[in-house]
C-alpha atoms as a PDB file:
ATOM      1  CA  MET A   1      -2.295  -8.564 -22.541  1.00  0.00           C
ATOM      2  CA  PRO A   2      -1.937  -9.877 -18.999  1.00  0.00           C
ATOM      3  CA  ALA A   3       1.845  -9.123 -19.039  1.00  0.00           C
ATOM      4  CA  ALA A   4       1.092  -5.588 -20.479  1.00  0.00           C
ATOM      5  CA  ILE A   5      -1.350  -4.909 -17.559  1.00  0.00           C
ATOM      6  CA  PHE A   6       1.188  -6.121 -14.967  1.00  0.00           C
ATOM      7  CA  VAL A   7       4.102  -4.156 -16.337  1.00  0.00           C
ATOM      8  CA  VAL A   8       2.384  -0.889 -16.687  1.00  0.00           C
ATOM      9  CA  SER A   9       0.945  -1.238 -13.217  1.00  0.00           C
ATOM     10  CA  TYR A  10       4.269  -2.104 -11.825  1.00  0.00           C
ATOM     11  CA  LEU A  11       5.916   0.907 -13.559  1.00  0.00           C
ATOM     12  CA  LEU A  12       2.997   3.137 -12.215  1.00  0.00           C
ATOM     13  CA  GLY A  13       3.484   1.901  -8.648  1.00  0.00           C
ATOM     14  CA  SER A  14       7.114   2.540  -8.825  1.00  0.00           C
ATOM     15  CA  VAL A  15       6.529   6.278  -8.925  1.00  0.00           C
ATOM     16  CA  VAL A  16       6.533   6.644  -5.239  1.00  0.00           C
ATOM     17  CA  MET A  17       5.238  10.071  -4.281  1.00  0.00           C
ATOM     18  CA  GLY A  18       6.845  10.238  -0.798  1.00  0.00           C
ATOM     19  CA  ILE A  19      10.299   9.725  -2.375  1.00  0.00           C
ATOM     20  CA  LEU A  20       9.610  12.457  -5.155  1.00  0.00           C
ATOM     21  CA  TYR A  21       8.276  14.858  -2.518  1.00  0.00           C
ATOM     22  CA  SER A  22      11.280  14.461  -0.377  1.00  0.00           C
ATOM     23  CA  ARG A  23      13.733  14.670  -3.313  1.00  0.00           C
ATOM     24  CA  ALA A  24      11.846  18.028  -4.342  1.00  0.00           C
ATOM     25  CA  ARG A  25      12.879  19.055  -0.862  1.00  0.00           C
ATOM     26  CA  GLY A  26      16.616  18.098  -1.472  1.00  0.00           C
ATOM     27  CA  ASP A  27      16.227  14.997   0.712  1.00  0.00           C
ATOM     28  CA  ASP A  28      15.443  11.315   0.508  1.00  0.00           C
ATOM     29  CA  ILE A  29      12.927  10.309   3.247  1.00  0.00           C
ATOM     30  CA  ARG A  30      14.116   6.719   3.068  1.00  0.00           C
ATOM     31  CA  SER A  31      17.287   7.507   5.047  1.00  0.00           C
ATOM     32  CA  ARG A  32      15.004   8.036   8.173  1.00  0.00           C
ATOM     33  CA  ASP A  33      11.564   6.743   7.358  1.00  0.00           C
ATOM     34  CA  LEU A  34       9.334   4.996   4.897  1.00  0.00           C
ATOM     35  CA  PRO A  35       7.926   7.086   2.087  1.00  0.00           C
ATOM     36  CA  GLY A  36       4.222   6.373   2.613  1.00  0.00           C
ATOM     37  CA  GLY A  37       1.797   8.658   4.220  1.00  0.00           C
ATOM     38  CA  SER A  38       2.638   8.069   7.877  1.00  0.00           C
ATOM     39  CA  GLY A  39       6.400   8.540   7.064  1.00  0.00           C
ATOM     40  CA  THR A  40       5.775  11.717   5.227  1.00  0.00           C
ATOM     41  CA  PHE A  41       3.570  12.850   8.087  1.00  0.00           C
ATOM     42  CA  ARG A  42       6.428  12.335  10.737  1.00  0.00           C
ATOM     43  CA  GLN A  43       9.001  13.972   8.489  1.00  0.00           C
ATOM     44  CA  TYR A  44       7.225  16.726   6.755  1.00  0.00           C
ATOM     45  CA  GLY A  45       3.766  17.260   8.423  1.00  0.00           C
ATOM     46  CA  ARG A  46       0.105  16.869   7.663  1.00  0.00           C
ATOM     47  CA  GLN A  47      -0.246  18.681   4.269  1.00  0.00           C
ATOM     48  CA  ALA A  48       2.534  16.790   2.757  1.00  0.00           C
ATOM     49  CA  ALA A  49       1.287  13.393   4.100  1.00  0.00           C
ATOM     50  CA  VAL A  50      -2.323  14.115   2.799  1.00  0.00           C
ATOM     51  CA  MET A  51      -0.833  15.086  -0.620  1.00  0.00           C
ATOM     52  CA  VAL A  52       1.493  12.062  -0.897  1.00  0.00           C
ATOM     53  CA  SER A  53      -1.349   9.601   0.307  1.00  0.00           C
ATOM     54  CA  VAL A  54      -3.888  10.963  -2.018  1.00  0.00           C
ATOM     55  CA  LEU A  55      -1.438  10.705  -5.125  1.00  0.00           C
ATOM     56  CA  ASP A  56      -0.470   7.163  -3.980  1.00  0.00           C
ATOM     57  CA  ILE A  57      -4.041   6.155  -3.738  1.00  0.00           C
ATOM     58  CA  LEU A  58      -4.831   7.674  -7.258  1.00  0.00           C
ATOM     59  CA  LYS A  59      -2.012   5.612  -8.886  1.00  0.00           C
ATOM     60  CA  GLY A  60      -3.834   2.405  -7.478  1.00  0.00           C
ATOM     61  CA  VAL A  61      -7.175   3.616  -8.914  1.00  0.00           C
ATOM     62  CA  VAL A  62      -5.555   4.382 -12.234  1.00  0.00           C
ATOM     63  CA  ALA A  63      -3.880   0.856 -12.267  1.00  0.00           C
ATOM     64  CA  THR A  64      -7.165  -0.973 -12.054  1.00  0.00           C
ATOM     65  CA  LEU A  65      -9.199   1.199 -14.124  1.00  0.00           C
ATOM     66  CA  LEU A  66      -6.411   0.950 -16.794  1.00  0.00           C
ATOM     67  CA  ALA A  67      -6.465  -2.805 -16.662  1.00  0.00           C
ATOM     68  CA  ARG A  68     -10.122  -2.750 -17.200  1.00  0.00           C
ATOM     69  CA  TRP A  69      -9.591  -0.452 -20.216  1.00  0.00           C
ATOM     70  CA  LEU A  70      -6.897  -2.510 -21.639  1.00  0.00           C
ATOM     71  CA  ALA A  71      -8.862  -5.639 -21.260  1.00  0.00           C
ATOM     72  CA  GLN A  72     -11.909  -3.835 -22.768  1.00  0.00           C
ATOM     73  CA  GLY A  73     -14.287  -5.867 -20.796  1.00  0.00           C
ATOM     74  CA  LEU A  74     -13.040  -9.048 -22.235  1.00  0.00           C
ATOM     75  CA  ALA A  75     -11.271 -10.237 -19.051  1.00  0.00           C
ATOM     76  CA  PRO A  76     -12.245  -8.413 -15.874  1.00  0.00           C
ATOM     77  CA  GLU A  77     -10.316 -10.918 -13.876  1.00  0.00           C
ATOM     78  CA  TRP A  78      -7.058  -9.471 -15.055  1.00  0.00           C
ATOM     79  CA  THR A  79      -7.680  -6.588 -12.684  1.00  0.00           C
ATOM     80  CA  TRP A  80      -5.776  -8.723  -9.959  1.00  0.00           C
ATOM     81  CA  LEU A  81      -2.602  -8.333 -12.059  1.00  0.00           C
ATOM     82  CA  ALA A  82      -3.100  -4.536 -11.785  1.00  0.00           C
ATOM     83  CA  VAL A  83      -3.286  -4.831  -7.965  1.00  0.00           C
ATOM     84  CA  LEU A  84      -0.310  -7.118  -7.915  1.00  0.00           C
ATOM     85  CA  GLY A  85       1.866  -4.773 -10.117  1.00  0.00           C
ATOM     86  CA  VAL A  86       0.979  -1.358  -8.586  1.00  0.00           C
ATOM     87  CA  VAL A  87       1.427  -2.705  -5.030  1.00  0.00           C
ATOM     88  CA  LEU A  88       4.757  -4.509  -5.828  1.00  0.00           C
ATOM     89  CA  GLY A  89       5.986  -1.434  -7.708  1.00  0.00           C
ATOM     90  CA  HIS A  90       5.283   0.821  -4.707  1.00  0.00           C
ATOM     91  CA  CYS A  91       6.982  -1.538  -2.260  1.00  0.00           C
ATOM     92  CA  TYR A  92       9.921  -2.268  -4.606  1.00  0.00           C
ATOM     93  CA  PRO A  93      10.230   0.352  -7.090  1.00  0.00           C
ATOM     94  CA  VAL A  94      12.340  -0.005 -10.051  1.00  0.00           C
ATOM     95  CA  PHE A  95      13.024   3.632 -10.181  1.00  0.00           C
ATOM     96  CA  PHE A  96      14.338   3.839  -6.518  1.00  0.00           C
ATOM     97  CA  ARG A  97      16.648   0.889  -6.057  1.00  0.00           C
ATOM     98  CA  PHE A  98      13.707  -1.387  -5.017  1.00  0.00           C
ATOM     99  CA  LYS A  99      13.340   0.472  -1.617  1.00  0.00           C
ATOM    100  CA  GLY A 100       9.727   1.716  -1.314  1.00  0.00           C
ATOM    101  CA  GLY A 101       6.868   1.938   1.026  1.00  0.00           C
ATOM    102  CA  GLY A 102       4.528  -0.430   2.564  1.00  0.00           C
ATOM    103  CA  GLY A 103       1.887  -0.438  -0.153  1.00  0.00           C
ATOM    104  CA  ILE A 104      -1.247   0.553   1.815  1.00  0.00           C
ATOM    105  CA  ALA A 105      -2.307   3.572  -0.088  1.00  0.00           C
ATOM    106  CA  PRO A 106      -2.004   1.923  -3.752  1.00  0.00           C
ATOM    107  CA  PHE A 107      -3.665  -1.070  -2.365  1.00  0.00           C
ATOM    108  CA  VAL A 108      -6.440   0.949  -1.198  1.00  0.00           C
ATOM    109  CA  GLY A 109      -6.671   2.771  -4.442  1.00  0.00           C
ATOM    110  CA  ALA A 110      -6.638  -0.360  -6.608  1.00  0.00           C
ATOM    111  CA  LEU A 111      -9.374  -1.873  -4.791  1.00  0.00           C
ATOM    112  CA  LEU A 112     -11.583   1.069  -4.639  1.00  0.00           C
ATOM    113  CA  PRO A 113     -12.970   0.617  -8.065  1.00  0.00           C
ATOM    114  CA  VAL A 114     -13.058  -3.190  -7.942  1.00  0.00           C
ATOM    115  CA  ALA A 115     -14.341  -3.914  -4.377  1.00  0.00           C
ATOM    116  CA  PRO A 116     -15.299  -0.742  -2.516  1.00  0.00           C
ATOM    117  CA  LEU A 117     -17.170  -2.464   0.363  1.00  0.00           C
ATOM    118  CA  THR A 118     -14.329  -4.866   1.071  1.00  0.00           C
ATOM    119  CA  ILE A 119     -11.626  -2.201   1.237  1.00  0.00           C
ATOM    120  CA  LEU A 120     -13.613   0.242   3.075  1.00  0.00           C
ATOM    121  CA  GLY A 121     -14.481  -2.292   5.694  1.00  0.00           C
ATOM    122  CA  THR A 122     -10.814  -3.323   5.973  1.00  0.00           C
ATOM    123  CA  ILE A 123      -9.763   0.225   6.257  1.00  0.00           C
ATOM    124  CA  GLY A 124     -12.500   0.848   9.019  1.00  0.00           C
ATOM    125  CA  LEU A 125     -11.135  -1.983  11.148  1.00  0.00           C
ATOM    126  CA  ALA A 126      -7.583  -0.927  10.765  1.00  0.00           C
ATOM    127  CA  LEU A 127      -8.310   2.647  11.799  1.00  0.00           C
ATOM    128  CA  ALA A 128     -10.088   1.370  14.853  1.00  0.00           C
ATOM    129  CA  LEU A 129      -7.261  -1.072  15.783  1.00  0.00           C
ATOM    130  CA  VAL A 130      -4.443   1.382  15.755  1.00  0.00           C
ATOM    131  CA  PRO A 131      -5.255   3.579  18.731  1.00  0.00           C
ATOM    132  CA  VAL A 132      -6.326   0.482  20.794  1.00  0.00           C
ATOM    133  CA  TYR A 133      -2.980  -1.272  19.967  1.00  0.00           C
ATOM    134  CA  LYS A 134      -0.913   1.793  20.698  1.00  0.00           C
ATOM    135  CA  ALA A 135      -2.601   2.045  24.067  1.00  0.00           C
ATOM    136  CA  THR A 136      -2.465  -1.526  25.080  1.00  0.00           C
ATOM    137  CA  LEU A 137      -0.062  -3.804  23.437  1.00  0.00           C
ATOM    138  CA  GLN A 138       2.665  -1.891  21.713  1.00  0.00           C
ATOM    139  CA  LYS A 139       4.893  -1.419  24.844  1.00  0.00           C
ATOM    140  CA  ALA A 140       4.681  -5.209  25.507  1.00  0.00           C
ATOM    141  CA  LEU A 141       5.110  -6.384  22.069  1.00  0.00           C
ATOM    142  CA  LYS A 142       7.545  -3.634  20.888  1.00  0.00           C
ATOM    143  CA  LEU A 143       6.215  -3.945  17.323  1.00  0.00           C
ATOM    144  CA  ASN A 144       5.142  -1.037  15.479  1.00  0.00           C
ATOM    145  CA  ALA A 145       1.433  -0.431  14.623  1.00  0.00           C
ATOM    146  CA  ILE A 146       1.418  -0.974  10.858  1.00  0.00           C
ATOM    147  CA  PRO A 147       2.509  -4.603  10.779  1.00  0.00           C
ATOM    148  CA  PHE A 148       0.546  -5.584  13.691  1.00  0.00           C
ATOM    149  CA  VAL A 149      -2.681  -3.930  12.248  1.00  0.00           C
ATOM    150  CA  THR A 150      -2.018  -5.295   8.832  1.00  0.00           C
ATOM    151  CA  ALA A 151      -1.674  -8.874  10.263  1.00  0.00           C
ATOM    152  CA  VAL A 152      -4.979  -8.579  12.099  1.00  0.00           C
ATOM    153  CA  SER A 153      -7.104  -6.511   9.546  1.00  0.00           C
ATOM    154  CA  LEU A 154      -6.077  -8.460   6.369  1.00  0.00           C
ATOM    155  CA  PRO A 155      -7.740 -11.738   7.248  1.00  0.00           C
ATOM    156  CA  VAL A 156     -10.802  -9.886   8.040  1.00  0.00           C
ATOM    157  CA  GLY A 157     -10.361  -8.080   4.615  1.00  0.00           C
ATOM    158  CA  TRP A 158     -10.162 -11.385   3.050  1.00  0.00           C
ATOM    159  CA  TRP A 159     -13.314 -12.623   4.577  1.00  0.00           C
ATOM    160  CA  LEU A 160     -15.012  -9.354   3.486  1.00  0.00           C
ATOM    161  CA  SER A 161     -13.791 -10.050  -0.067  1.00  0.00           C
ATOM    162  CA  THR A 162     -15.411 -13.425  -0.164  1.00  0.00           C
ATOM    163  CA  ARG A 163     -18.727 -11.669   0.716  1.00  0.00           C
ATOM    164  CA  PHE A 164     -18.449  -8.402  -1.199  1.00  0.00           C
ATOM    165  CA  GLY A 165     -16.086  -9.204  -4.046  1.00  0.00           C
ATOM    166  CA  GLY A 166     -12.383  -8.684  -5.101  1.00  0.00           C
ATOM    167  CA  SER A 167     -10.993 -11.883  -3.636  1.00  0.00           C
ATOM    168  CA  TRP A 168      -8.334 -12.234  -6.065  1.00  0.00           C
ATOM    169  CA  GLU A 169      -7.368  -8.481  -6.208  1.00  0.00           C
ATOM    170  CA  PHE A 170      -7.409  -8.516  -2.252  1.00  0.00           C
ATOM    171  CA  LEU A 171      -5.367 -11.673  -2.194  1.00  0.00           C
ATOM    172  CA  ALA A 172      -2.706 -10.338  -4.751  1.00  0.00           C
ATOM    173  CA  GLY A 173      -2.267  -6.935  -2.944  1.00  0.00           C
ATOM    174  CA  SER A 174      -2.244  -8.171   0.632  1.00  0.00           C
ATOM    175  CA  ALA A 175       0.286 -10.878  -0.181  1.00  0.00           C
ATOM    176  CA  VAL A 176       2.686  -8.386  -1.527  1.00  0.00           C
ATOM    177  CA  MET A 177       2.116  -6.114   1.652  1.00  0.00           C
ATOM    178  CA  LEU A 178       2.573  -9.128   4.097  1.00  0.00           C
ATOM    179  CA  VAL A 179       5.948  -9.896   2.250  1.00  0.00           C
ATOM    180  CA  ARG A 180       6.962  -6.198   2.600  1.00  0.00           C
ATOM    181  CA  ALA A 181       5.773  -6.029   6.244  1.00  0.00           C
ATOM    182  CA  VAL A 182       7.898  -9.218   7.188  1.00  0.00           C
ATOM    183  CA  HIS A 183      10.927  -7.682   5.078  1.00  0.00           C
ATOM    184  CA  LEU A 184      10.668  -4.429   7.150  1.00  0.00           C
ATOM    185  CA  LEU A 185      10.408  -6.388  10.448  1.00  0.00           C
ATOM    186  CA  VAL A 186      13.565  -8.336   9.647  1.00  0.00           C
ATOM    187  CA  ARG A 187      15.484  -5.641   7.989  1.00  0.00           C
ATOM    188  CA  PRO A 188      14.091  -2.297   8.827  1.00  0.00           C
ATOM    189  CA  GLU A 189      14.859   0.704   6.365  1.00  0.00           C
ATOM    190  CA  GLY A 190      15.746   4.010   7.724  1.00  0.00           C
ATOM    191  CA  ASP A 191      15.930   5.109  11.608  1.00  0.00           C
ATOM    192  CA  GLY A 192      12.102   5.927  11.661  1.00  0.00           C
ATOM    193  CA  ALA A 193      10.828   2.988   9.763  1.00  0.00           C
ATOM    194  CA  GLY A 194       9.661   1.252  13.039  1.00  0.00           C
ATOM    195  CA  LYS A 195       7.885   4.235  14.507  1.00  0.00           C
ATOM    196  CA  ALA A 196       4.345   3.939  13.114  1.00  0.00           C
END
């Protein structure tokens, strides 16, 4: 059962909506940017970004709800495997040569049913940090906002998870996102990958 939860979640995560949207337009966003919400916004505008983000969040929600259904209440702790799988699939999708997004939207979606206070608190902090960072430190550090905000907000999110639940789920998803952020810093994908 745990292997099935991980594999199904990974395959679900590998359906990267930004890539599918760009291909429907006869393009591949990854040649210029990352296929998440912010990259889609930069390349195709607000409406496309909202649609892609909502769909990527929904696949995270589906992954954890499916894990709960597959376990039928016998092992709720297996939801961390669903979070791990869906975020890993989004970042390194088997259907798209293992070149995907940063994992934020499916991570948010996967934690919403499991630990809503934890993920909403983390998102709130991240959203507050982005404009402050861009206005103060970005020019000096020459580091895009997403990895910086991730590095600052994830430890706070971890602390929130110890208070409001979802510790294992938070740890699983954030570990994949941190690996992906480091990977993107070392080897950026697409000309616009560092613009966020």
